[in-house]
Amino acid sequence: MIQPSPLSFFFFNLRQGQATDYARYFEYPKAVEMMEIEEGESLSLLDVGSGRQGQFPLYLAAKFPQLSVCSSDPREDFTEQRQRVEALGLRASVEAGRLRFEQMDILSPVFPEAHFDRISCISTIEHIPGDGDTAAIRNMARLLKPGGLLVVSVPFNWYHSGEIYREEPMYSVPHSGRQSTPGDSRCFFERVYDDPSLRQRLVEPSGLSLEKMIYFGEPGFSFGRFIHRGYWNGDFFPRCLLKLRLIQLFIPLISPVFLKVIEASEFDAEDWSGVGLIMSLRKNVASSDV
């Protein structure tokens, strides 16, 4: 099975001149590993909630040209992703239909059941308010072929779950911006799962078999919290670092230094940032529906 190194994401960034969120460069290699892609294996793959940059599906298409990759998002016209196709040498993949872009809300999928061998959903499902996360994972399970794998990452804390709200909606999709309570103008941003809520909202409703689960965080000094909290607080040094494109390109090499696989006992009950979980779920070979 393919196990990409942080160095491969560093060179990927150099080719396209872009970087993405700090934690993603821990999640991406682990997600690829969990998808169990064999060298030269031809598989169909859907990435749910690819976002403006589409880093993960574009990486997969560039690294594994034998894959058929679909980048999907409900709010994107994929202008930025299409612009980077040339820099990444992916024009032939687009022309051959091995890389495609689909404006799609996973709550209303456009694909038939049992259509994909692999589905990835990296730090996306937690942003769907209400019971949308449960509906979304059920739809992903339906789109998965028997024997296929679904890989999902979410914010996680062993000690408690909760919902985070912000003053303005972060995502311009139909189901975003739900208010917390009547009379409260704040908008839903994301959900942090604990073990009971993860199983009740995602694992059990999916009807899939849980194969692997790993926790990750920053034991010791938290570079991610230092940078991101400092940025939002207006601190000079974190803002300068994030605005320097050269520094951003090195994030794939910095992330694994601080972000590690951790045990349940290493979670901080007071810390909701920089911690998460990645899991893989498999559809039973005998399943025709879930």
C-alpha atoms as a PDB file:
ATOM      1  CA  MET A   1       0.000   0.000   0.000  1.00  0.00           C
ATOM      2  CA  ILE A   2       1.118   3.557  -0.748  1.00  0.00           C
ATOM      3  CA  GLN A   3       2.336   5.592   2.235  1.00  0.00           C
ATOM      4  CA  PRO A   4       3.201   9.107   1.013  1.00  0.00           C
ATOM      5  CA  SER A   5       5.841  11.076   2.891  1.00  0.00           C
ATOM      6  CA  PRO A   6       5.618  14.746   3.963  1.00  0.00           C
ATOM      7  CA  LEU A   7       8.292  15.403   1.341  1.00  0.00           C
ATOM      8  CA  SER A   8       5.904  14.402  -1.447  1.00  0.00           C
ATOM      9  CA  PHE A   9       3.434  17.083  -0.316  1.00  0.00           C
ATOM     10  CA  PHE A  10       6.258  19.617  -0.076  1.00  0.00           C
ATOM     11  CA  PHE A  11       7.199  19.048  -3.739  1.00  0.00           C
ATOM     12  CA  PHE A  12       3.517  19.068  -4.664  1.00  0.00           C
ATOM     13  CA  ASN A  13       3.252  22.541  -3.098  1.00  0.00           C
ATOM     14  CA  LEU A  14       6.324  23.733  -4.993  1.00  0.00           C
ATOM     15  CA  ARG A  15       4.790  22.627  -8.291  1.00  0.00           C
ATOM     16  CA  GLN A  16       1.539  24.465  -7.756  1.00  0.00           C
ATOM     17  CA  GLY A  17       2.768  27.366  -5.587  1.00  0.00           C
ATOM     18  CA  GLN A  18       0.044  26.789  -2.985  1.00  0.00           C
ATOM     19  CA  ALA A  19      -0.332  25.502   0.559  1.00  0.00           C
ATOM     20  CA  THR A  20      -3.329  24.714   2.728  1.00  0.00           C
ATOM     21  CA  ASP A  21      -4.164  24.346   6.415  1.00  0.00           C
ATOM     22  CA  TYR A  22      -1.404  23.170   8.746  1.00  0.00           C
ATOM     23  CA  ALA A  23      -3.260  20.121  10.104  1.00  0.00           C
ATOM     24  CA  ARG A  24      -4.147  18.830   6.646  1.00  0.00           C
ATOM     25  CA  TYR A  25      -0.543  17.771   6.047  1.00  0.00           C
ATOM     26  CA  PHE A  26      -0.862  15.296   8.871  1.00  0.00           C
ATOM     27  CA  GLU A  27      -4.315  14.174   7.765  1.00  0.00           C
ATOM     28  CA  TYR A  28      -3.570  13.791   4.046  1.00  0.00           C
ATOM     29  CA  PRO A  29      -0.765  11.183   4.295  1.00  0.00           C
ATOM     30  CA  LYS A  30      -2.736   9.203   6.888  1.00  0.00           C
ATOM     31  CA  ALA A  31      -5.862   9.345   4.727  1.00  0.00           C
ATOM     32  CA  VAL A  32      -3.960   8.047   1.683  1.00  0.00           C
ATOM     33  CA  GLU A  33      -2.517   5.226   3.783  1.00  0.00           C
ATOM     34  CA  MET A  34      -5.979   4.289   5.092  1.00  0.00           C
ATOM     35  CA  MET A  35      -7.450   4.226   1.585  1.00  0.00           C
ATOM     36  CA  GLU A  36      -5.226   1.228   0.821  1.00  0.00           C
ATOM     37  CA  ILE A  37      -4.269   2.206  -2.715  1.00  0.00           C
ATOM     38  CA  GLU A  38      -1.940  -0.315  -4.331  1.00  0.00           C
ATOM     39  CA  GLU A  39       0.685   0.746  -6.865  1.00  0.00           C
ATOM     40  CA  GLY A  40      -0.898   0.832 -10.331  1.00  0.00           C
ATOM     41  CA  GLU A  41      -4.366  -0.056  -9.024  1.00  0.00           C
ATOM     42  CA  SER A  42      -7.235   1.523 -10.987  1.00  0.00           C
ATOM     43  CA  LEU A  43      -9.908   2.814  -8.618  1.00  0.00           C
ATOM     44  CA  SER A  44     -12.682   5.411  -8.698  1.00  0.00           C
ATOM     45  CA  LEU A  45     -12.452   7.980  -5.912  1.00  0.00           C
ATOM     46  CA  LEU A  46     -14.753  10.762  -4.715  1.00  0.00           C
ATOM     47  CA  ASP A  47     -13.505  13.557  -2.467  1.00  0.00           C
ATOM     48  CA  VAL A  48     -16.355  15.232  -0.569  1.00  0.00           C
ATOM     49  CA  GLY A  49     -16.005  18.910   0.294  1.00  0.00           C
ATOM     50  CA  SER A  50     -12.815  19.530  -1.686  1.00  0.00           C
ATOM     51  CA  GLY A  51     -12.980  23.292  -1.148  1.00  0.00           C
ATOM     52  CA  ARG A  52     -11.566  26.152  -3.159  1.00  0.00           C
ATOM     53  CA  GLN A  53      -8.030  24.782  -3.455  1.00  0.00           C
ATOM     54  CA  GLY A  54      -8.905  21.102  -3.800  1.00  0.00           C
ATOM     55  CA  GLN A  55      -5.491  20.120  -2.488  1.00  0.00           C
ATOM     56  CA  PHE A  56      -6.335  16.524  -1.647  1.00  0.00           C
ATOM     57  CA  PRO A  57      -8.055  15.415  -4.886  1.00  0.00           C
ATOM     58  CA  LEU A  58      -5.468  17.235  -7.000  1.00  0.00           C
ATOM     59  CA  TYR A  59      -2.674  15.532  -5.072  1.00  0.00           C
ATOM     60  CA  LEU A  60      -4.306  12.131  -5.590  1.00  0.00           C
ATOM     61  CA  ALA A  61      -4.745  12.769  -9.309  1.00  0.00           C
ATOM     62  CA  ALA A  62      -1.112  13.873  -9.668  1.00  0.00           C
ATOM     63  CA  LYS A  63       0.373  11.116  -7.497  1.00  0.00           C
ATOM     64  CA  PHE A  64      -1.780   8.245  -8.810  1.00  0.00           C
ATOM     65  CA  PRO A  65      -2.559   8.890 -12.505  1.00  0.00           C
ATOM     66  CA  GLN A  66      -4.305   5.509 -12.769  1.00  0.00           C
ATOM     67  CA  LEU A  67      -7.079   6.686 -10.405  1.00  0.00           C
ATOM     68  CA  SER A  68     -10.343   8.247 -11.541  1.00  0.00           C
ATOM     69  CA  VAL A  69     -10.710  11.189  -9.149  1.00  0.00           C
ATOM     70  CA  CYS A  70     -13.760  13.402  -8.648  1.00  0.00           C
ATOM     71  CA  SER A  71     -13.353  16.665  -6.716  1.00  0.00           C
ATOM     72  CA  SER A  72     -16.723  17.754  -5.323  1.00  0.00           C
ATOM     73  CA  ASP A  73     -17.982  20.759  -3.392  1.00  0.00           C
ATOM     74  CA  PRO A  74     -21.384  22.492  -3.131  1.00  0.00           C
ATOM     75  CA  ARG A  75     -20.048  26.048  -3.306  1.00  0.00           C
ATOM     76  CA  GLU A  76     -17.297  25.913  -5.902  1.00  0.00           C
ATOM     77  CA  ASP A  77     -17.129  26.547  -9.633  1.00  0.00           C
ATOM     78  CA  PHE A  78     -13.607  25.040  -9.412  1.00  0.00           C
ATOM     79  CA  THR A  79     -11.961  28.000 -11.130  1.00  0.00           C
ATOM     80  CA  GLU A  80      -8.876  27.853  -8.911  1.00  0.00           C
ATOM     81  CA  GLN A  81      -8.511  24.078  -9.216  1.00  0.00           C
ATOM     82  CA  ARG A  82      -8.822  24.217 -13.004  1.00  0.00           C
ATOM     83  CA  GLN A  83      -6.157  26.934 -13.132  1.00  0.00           C
ATOM     84  CA  ARG A  84      -3.682  24.628 -11.395  1.00  0.00           C
ATOM     85  CA  VAL A  85      -4.285  21.698 -13.727  1.00  0.00           C
ATOM     86  CA  GLU A  86      -1.569  22.926 -16.099  1.00  0.00           C
ATOM     87  CA  ALA A  87       1.031  23.482 -13.366  1.00  0.00           C
ATOM     88  CA  LEU A  88       0.447  19.979 -12.047  1.00  0.00           C
ATOM     89  CA  GLY A  89       0.552  18.316 -15.469  1.00  0.00           C
ATOM     90  CA  LEU A  90      -3.043  17.094 -15.168  1.00  0.00           C
ATOM     91  CA  ARG A  91      -4.490  18.265 -18.486  1.00  0.00           C
ATOM     92  CA  ALA A  92      -4.355  14.733 -19.936  1.00  0.00           C
ATOM     93  CA  SER A  93      -6.177  13.391 -16.855  1.00  0.00           C
ATOM     94  CA  VAL A  94      -8.948  15.957 -17.288  1.00  0.00           C
ATOM     95  CA  GLU A  95      -9.259  15.272 -21.016  1.00  0.00           C
ATOM     96  CA  ALA A  96      -9.384  11.506 -20.372  1.00  0.00           C
ATOM     97  CA  GLY A  97     -12.030  11.954 -17.670  1.00  0.00           C
ATOM     98  CA  ARG A  98      -9.733  10.636 -14.921  1.00  0.00           C
ATOM     99  CA  LEU A  99     -10.019  13.977 -13.105  1.00  0.00           C
ATOM    100  CA  ARG A 100     -13.362  15.720 -12.960  1.00  0.00           C
ATOM    101  CA  PHE A 101     -15.002  18.504 -10.964  1.00  0.00           C
ATOM    102  CA  GLU A 102     -18.564  18.213  -9.678  1.00  0.00           C
ATOM    103  CA  GLN A 103     -20.532  20.964  -7.949  1.00  0.00           C
ATOM    104  CA  MET A 104     -22.463  18.777  -5.531  1.00  0.00           C
ATOM    105  CA  ASP A 105     -23.899  18.906  -2.034  1.00  0.00           C
ATOM    106  CA  ILE A 106     -23.420  15.518  -0.382  1.00  0.00           C
ATOM    107  CA  LEU A 107     -26.895  15.957   1.122  1.00  0.00           C
ATOM    108  CA  SER A 108     -28.212  15.730  -2.462  1.00  0.00           C
ATOM    109  CA  PRO A 109     -25.731  13.489  -4.314  1.00  0.00           C
ATOM    110  CA  VAL A 110     -25.894  13.296  -8.105  1.00  0.00           C
ATOM    111  CA  PHE A 111     -24.209   9.897  -8.466  1.00  0.00           C
ATOM    112  CA  PRO A 112     -25.911   6.476  -8.425  1.00  0.00           C
ATOM    113  CA  GLU A 113     -25.478   4.030  -5.564  1.00  0.00           C
ATOM    114  CA  ALA A 114     -22.356   1.834  -5.398  1.00  0.00           C
ATOM    115  CA  HIS A 115     -20.427   4.146  -7.747  1.00  0.00           C
ATOM    116  CA  PHE A 116     -17.035   4.673  -6.059  1.00  0.00           C
ATOM    117  CA  ASP A 117     -14.297   2.360  -4.758  1.00  0.00           C
ATOM    118  CA  ARG A 118     -13.008   4.986  -2.326  1.00  0.00           C
ATOM    119  CA  ILE A 119     -14.525   8.105  -0.762  1.00  0.00           C
ATOM    120  CA  SER A 120     -12.608  10.690   1.256  1.00  0.00           C
ATOM    121  CA  CYS A 121     -14.087  13.397   3.459  1.00  0.00           C
ATOM    122  CA  ILE A 122     -11.270  15.342   5.118  1.00  0.00           C
ATOM    123  CA  SER A 123     -12.315  17.822   7.816  1.00  0.00           C
ATOM    124  CA  THR A 124     -15.618  18.556   6.099  1.00  0.00           C
ATOM    125  CA  ILE A 125     -18.533  16.655   7.635  1.00  0.00           C
ATOM    126  CA  GLU A 126     -18.246  18.489  10.976  1.00  0.00           C
ATOM    127  CA  HIS A 127     -19.274  21.752   9.287  1.00  0.00           C
ATOM    128  CA  ILE A 128     -22.775  20.498   8.389  1.00  0.00           C
ATOM    129  CA  PRO A 129     -25.263  21.714  11.034  1.00  0.00           C
ATOM    130  CA  GLY A 130     -28.158  19.850  12.613  1.00  0.00           C
ATOM    131  CA  ASP A 131     -28.329  16.194  11.675  1.00  0.00           C
ATOM    132  CA  GLY A 132     -26.666  16.890   8.328  1.00  0.00           C
ATOM    133  CA  ASP A 133     -23.517  15.023   9.300  1.00  0.00           C
ATOM    134  CA  THR A 134     -25.523  11.830   9.840  1.00  0.00           C
ATOM    135  CA  ALA A 135     -27.402  12.281   6.551  1.00  0.00           C
ATOM    136  CA  ALA A 136     -24.123  12.970   4.753  1.00  0.00           C
ATOM    137  CA  ILE A 137     -22.348   9.835   5.933  1.00  0.00           C
ATOM    138  CA  ARG A 138     -25.376   7.721   5.009  1.00  0.00           C
ATOM    139  CA  ASN A 139     -25.233   9.160   1.497  1.00  0.00           C
ATOM    140  CA  MET A 140     -21.504   8.498   1.249  1.00  0.00           C
ATOM    141  CA  ALA A 141     -22.088   4.892   2.321  1.00  0.00           C
ATOM    142  CA  ARG A 142     -24.702   4.502  -0.433  1.00  0.00           C
ATOM    143  CA  LEU A 143     -22.279   5.847  -3.046  1.00  0.00           C
ATOM    144  CA  LEU A 144     -19.604   3.352  -1.983  1.00  0.00           C
ATOM    145  CA  LYS A 145     -19.184   0.071  -3.829  1.00  0.00           C
ATOM    146  CA  PRO A 146     -19.321  -3.169  -1.794  1.00  0.00           C
ATOM    147  CA  GLY A 147     -15.849  -3.746  -0.380  1.00  0.00           C
ATOM    148  CA  GLY A 148     -15.016  -0.041  -0.779  1.00  0.00           C
ATOM    149  CA  LEU A 149     -13.488   2.246   1.838  1.00  0.00           C
ATOM    150  CA  LEU A 150     -14.650   5.565   3.265  1.00  0.00           C
ATOM    151  CA  VAL A 151     -12.010   7.693   5.033  1.00  0.00           C
ATOM    152  CA  VAL A 152     -13.222  10.535   7.259  1.00  0.00           C
ATOM    153  CA  SER A 153     -11.399  13.000   9.508  1.00  0.00           C
ATOM    154  CA  VAL A 154     -13.066  15.197  12.133  1.00  0.00           C
ATOM    155  CA  PRO A 155     -12.166  17.368  15.147  1.00  0.00           C
ATOM    156  CA  PHE A 156     -12.224  15.137  18.215  1.00  0.00           C
ATOM    157  CA  ASN A 157     -11.784  15.352  21.970  1.00  0.00           C
ATOM    158  CA  TRP A 158     -11.963  12.259  24.134  1.00  0.00           C
ATOM    159  CA  TYR A 159     -13.545  14.093  27.065  1.00  0.00           C
ATOM    160  CA  HIS A 160     -16.447  16.019  25.572  1.00  0.00           C
ATOM    161  CA  SER A 161     -18.220  17.045  22.373  1.00  0.00           C
ATOM    162  CA  GLY A 162     -19.652  20.419  21.442  1.00  0.00           C
ATOM    163  CA  GLU A 163     -20.611  22.873  18.731  1.00  0.00           C
ATOM    164  CA  ILE A 164     -18.658  25.992  17.796  1.00  0.00           C
ATOM    165  CA  TYR A 165     -20.405  29.137  16.538  1.00  0.00           C
ATOM    166  CA  ARG A 166     -19.063  32.286  14.905  1.00  0.00           C
ATOM    167  CA  GLU A 167     -20.452  35.730  14.274  1.00  0.00           C
ATOM    168  CA  GLU A 168     -20.565  35.293  10.489  1.00  0.00           C
ATOM    169  CA  PRO A 169     -21.212  32.192   8.369  1.00  0.00           C
ATOM    170  CA  MET A 170     -17.963  30.712   7.094  1.00  0.00           C
ATOM    171  CA  TYR A 171     -19.332  28.753   4.133  1.00  0.00           C
ATOM    172  CA  SER A 172     -21.781  29.985   1.513  1.00  0.00           C
ATOM    173  CA  VAL A 173     -23.717  26.745   1.090  1.00  0.00           C
ATOM    174  CA  PRO A 174     -27.484  26.243   1.470  1.00  0.00           C
ATOM    175  CA  HIS A 175     -27.277  24.536   4.868  1.00  0.00           C
ATOM    176  CA  SER A 176     -24.710  26.908   6.461  1.00  0.00           C
ATOM    177  CA  GLY A 177     -25.398  29.764   8.816  1.00  0.00           C
ATOM    178  CA  ARG A 178     -27.912  28.037  11.103  1.00  0.00           C
ATOM    179  CA  GLN A 179     -28.365  30.088  14.243  1.00  0.00           C
ATOM    180  CA  SER A 180     -27.491  28.540  17.583  1.00  0.00           C
ATOM    181  CA  THR A 181     -30.770  29.406  19.348  1.00  0.00           C
ATOM    182  CA  PRO A 182     -33.661  31.768  18.553  1.00  0.00           C
ATOM    183  CA  GLY A 183     -32.473  35.306  19.137  1.00  0.00           C
ATOM    184  CA  ASP A 184     -28.793  34.347  18.939  1.00  0.00           C
ATOM    185  CA  SER A 185     -27.232  35.778  15.782  1.00  0.00           C
ATOM    186  CA  ARG A 186     -24.166  33.529  15.820  1.00  0.00           C
ATOM    187  CA  CYS A 187     -23.784  30.948  13.030  1.00  0.00           C
ATOM    188  CA  PHE A 188     -22.811  27.311  13.257  1.00  0.00           C
ATOM    189  CA  PHE A 189     -19.181  26.663  12.319  1.00  0.00           C
ATOM    190  CA  GLU A 190     -18.279  23.115  13.309  1.00  0.00           C
ATOM    191  CA  ARG A 191     -18.901  20.196  15.622  1.00  0.00           C
ATOM    192  CA  VAL A 192     -16.252  18.604  17.846  1.00  0.00           C
ATOM    193  CA  TYR A 193     -16.939  14.906  18.447  1.00  0.00           C
ATOM    194  CA  ASP A 194     -16.239  12.688  21.420  1.00  0.00           C
ATOM    195  CA  ASP A 195     -16.390   8.895  21.259  1.00  0.00           C
ATOM    196  CA  PRO A 196     -20.154   8.502  21.988  1.00  0.00           C
ATOM    197  CA  SER A 197     -21.214  11.236  19.546  1.00  0.00           C
ATOM    198  CA  LEU A 198     -18.848   9.932  16.860  1.00  0.00           C
ATOM    199  CA  ARG A 199     -20.393   6.486  17.033  1.00  0.00           C
ATOM    200  CA  GLN A 200     -23.975   7.715  17.354  1.00  0.00           C
ATOM    201  CA  ARG A 201     -23.812  10.352  14.623  1.00  0.00           C
ATOM    202  CA  LEU A 202     -21.368   8.806  12.121  1.00  0.00           C
ATOM    203  CA  VAL A 203     -20.185   5.227  12.611  1.00  0.00           C
ATOM    204  CA  GLU A 204     -23.462   3.461  13.453  1.00  0.00           C
ATOM    205  CA  PRO A 205     -25.732   5.340  10.976  1.00  0.00           C
ATOM    206  CA  SER A 206     -23.287   4.662   8.130  1.00  0.00           C
ATOM    207  CA  GLY A 207     -23.953   0.926   8.282  1.00  0.00           C
ATOM    208  CA  LEU A 208     -20.262   0.393   7.501  1.00  0.00           C
ATOM    209  CA  SER A 209     -17.664  -1.576   9.437  1.00  0.00           C
ATOM    210  CA  LEU A 210     -15.089   0.462  11.331  1.00  0.00           C
ATOM    211  CA  GLU A 211     -11.658  -0.697  10.151  1.00  0.00           C
ATOM    212  CA  LYS A 212      -9.131   1.741  11.623  1.00  0.00           C
ATOM    213  CA  MET A 213      -9.151   4.767  13.876  1.00  0.00           C
ATOM    214  CA  ILE A 214      -6.265   7.012  14.919  1.00  0.00           C
ATOM    215  CA  TYR A 215      -6.194  10.107  17.137  1.00  0.00           C
ATOM    216  CA  PHE A 216      -3.821  12.974  16.459  1.00  0.00           C
ATOM    217  CA  GLY A 217      -2.749  16.090  18.308  1.00  0.00           C
ATOM    218  CA  GLU A 218       0.211  18.168  19.414  1.00  0.00           C
ATOM    219  CA  PRO A 219       1.733  16.801  22.610  1.00  0.00           C
ATOM    220  CA  GLY A 220       4.003  19.428  24.100  1.00  0.00           C
ATOM    221  CA  PHE A 221       4.348  22.724  22.243  1.00  0.00           C
ATOM    222  CA  SER A 222       1.409  23.414  19.926  1.00  0.00           C
ATOM    223  CA  PHE A 223       2.699  25.145  16.822  1.00  0.00           C
ATOM    224  CA  GLY A 224      -0.753  25.035  15.229  1.00  0.00           C
ATOM    225  CA  ARG A 225      -2.457  26.826  18.111  1.00  0.00           C
ATOM    226  CA  PHE A 226       0.369  29.362  18.306  1.00  0.00           C
ATOM    227  CA  ILE A 227       0.004  30.239  14.620  1.00  0.00           C
ATOM    228  CA  HIS A 228      -3.768  30.136  14.223  1.00  0.00           C
ATOM    229  CA  ARG A 229      -4.802  31.700  17.513  1.00  0.00           C
ATOM    230  CA  GLY A 230      -2.131  34.344  17.077  1.00  0.00           C
ATOM    231  CA  TYR A 231      -3.371  35.079  13.575  1.00  0.00           C
ATOM    232  CA  TRP A 232      -6.994  35.539  14.648  1.00  0.00           C
ATOM    233  CA  ASN A 233      -5.900  37.586  17.679  1.00  0.00           C
ATOM    234  CA  GLY A 234      -3.936  39.908  15.414  1.00  0.00           C
ATOM    235  CA  ASP A 235      -0.504  39.001  16.806  1.00  0.00           C
ATOM    236  CA  PHE A 236       2.298  40.359  14.647  1.00  0.00           C
ATOM    237  CA  PHE A 237       4.603  37.329  14.350  1.00  0.00           C
ATOM    238  CA  PRO A 238       1.948  34.658  13.484  1.00  0.00           C
ATOM    239  CA  ARG A 239       0.374  37.001  10.929  1.00  0.00           C
ATOM    240  CA  CYS A 240       3.727  37.621   9.270  1.00  0.00           C
ATOM    241  CA  LEU A 241       4.478  33.895   9.097  1.00  0.00           C
ATOM    242  CA  LEU A 242       1.155  33.019   7.485  1.00  0.00           C
ATOM    243  CA  LYS A 243       1.426  35.826   4.963  1.00  0.00           C
ATOM    244  CA  LEU A 244       4.866  34.680   3.793  1.00  0.00           C
ATOM    245  CA  ARG A 245       4.215  32.276   0.927  1.00  0.00           C
ATOM    246  CA  LEU A 246       7.673  30.741   1.269  1.00  0.00           C
ATOM    247  CA  ILE A 247       6.891  29.710   4.858  1.00  0.00           C
ATOM    248  CA  GLN A 248       3.537  28.295   3.769  1.00  0.00           C
ATOM    249  CA  LEU A 249       5.200  26.049   1.219  1.00  0.00           C
ATOM    250  CA  PHE A 250       7.242  24.457   4.023  1.00  0.00           C
ATOM    251  CA  ILE A 251       4.162  23.630   6.120  1.00  0.00           C
ATOM    252  CA  PRO A 252       4.139  19.966   4.941  1.00  0.00           C
ATOM    253  CA  LEU A 253       7.590  19.564   6.521  1.00  0.00           C
ATOM    254  CA  ILE A 254       6.707  21.507   9.702  1.00  0.00           C
ATOM    255  CA  SER A 255       3.386  19.784  10.423  1.00  0.00           C
ATOM    256  CA  PRO A 256       4.759  16.267  11.162  1.00  0.00           C
ATOM    257  CA  VAL A 257       7.276  17.719  13.612  1.00  0.00           C
ATOM    258  CA  PHE A 258       4.511  18.808  15.997  1.00  0.00           C
ATOM    259  CA  LEU A 259       1.424  16.802  15.009  1.00  0.00           C
ATOM    260  CA  LYS A 260       1.610  13.201  16.205  1.00  0.00           C
ATOM    261  CA  VAL A 261      -0.517  10.113  16.629  1.00  0.00           C
ATOM    262  CA  ILE A 262      -1.651  10.226  20.271  1.00  0.00           C
ATOM    263  CA  GLU A 263      -3.449   7.995  22.746  1.00  0.00           C
ATOM    264  CA  ALA A 264      -6.825   8.775  24.313  1.00  0.00           C
ATOM    265  CA  SER A 265      -5.078   9.579  27.588  1.00  0.00           C
ATOM    266  CA  GLU A 266      -3.111  12.384  25.899  1.00  0.00           C
ATOM    267  CA  PHE A 267      -6.145  14.535  25.056  1.00  0.00           C
ATOM    268  CA  ASP A 268      -6.444  17.837  26.920  1.00  0.00           C
ATOM    269  CA  ALA A 269      -9.989  18.248  28.260  1.00  0.00           C
ATOM    270  CA  GLU A 270      -9.724  22.034  27.857  1.00  0.00           C
ATOM    271  CA  ASP A 271      -8.291  22.072  24.344  1.00  0.00           C
ATOM    272  CA  TRP A 272     -10.590  21.881  21.330  1.00  0.00           C
ATOM    273  CA  SER A 273      -8.081  22.917  18.687  1.00  0.00           C
ATOM    274  CA  GLY A 274      -5.326  21.045  16.912  1.00  0.00           C
ATOM    275  CA  VAL A 275      -6.743  17.637  17.817  1.00  0.00           C
ATOM    276  CA  GLY A 276      -8.704  15.197  15.719  1.00  0.00           C
ATOM    277  CA  LEU A 277      -9.428  11.722  14.512  1.00  0.00           C
ATOM    278  CA  ILE A 278      -9.105   9.868  11.204  1.00  0.00           C
ATOM    279  CA  MET A 279     -11.046   6.674  10.585  1.00  0.00           C
ATOM    280  CA  SER A 280     -11.675   4.248   7.760  1.00  0.00           C
ATOM    281  CA  LEU A 281     -14.925   2.370   7.283  1.00  0.00           C
ATOM    282  CA  ARG A 282     -15.556  -0.482   4.860  1.00  0.00           C
ATOM    283  CA  LYS A 283     -18.726  -1.513   3.080  1.00  0.00           C
ATOM    284  CA  ASN A 284     -19.556  -5.165   3.419  1.00  0.00           C
ATOM    285  CA  VAL A 285     -18.914  -7.075   0.182  1.00  0.00           C
ATOM    286  CA  ALA A 286     -22.402  -8.565   0.398  1.00  0.00           C
ATOM    287  CA  SER A 287     -24.028  -5.126   0.783  1.00  0.00           C
ATOM    288  CA  SER A 288     -26.112  -3.692  -2.004  1.00  0.00           C
ATOM    289  CA  ASP A 289     -27.445  -0.829   0.125  1.00  0.00           C
ATOM    290  CA  VAL A 290     -27.023   0.599   3.610  1.00  0.00           C
END
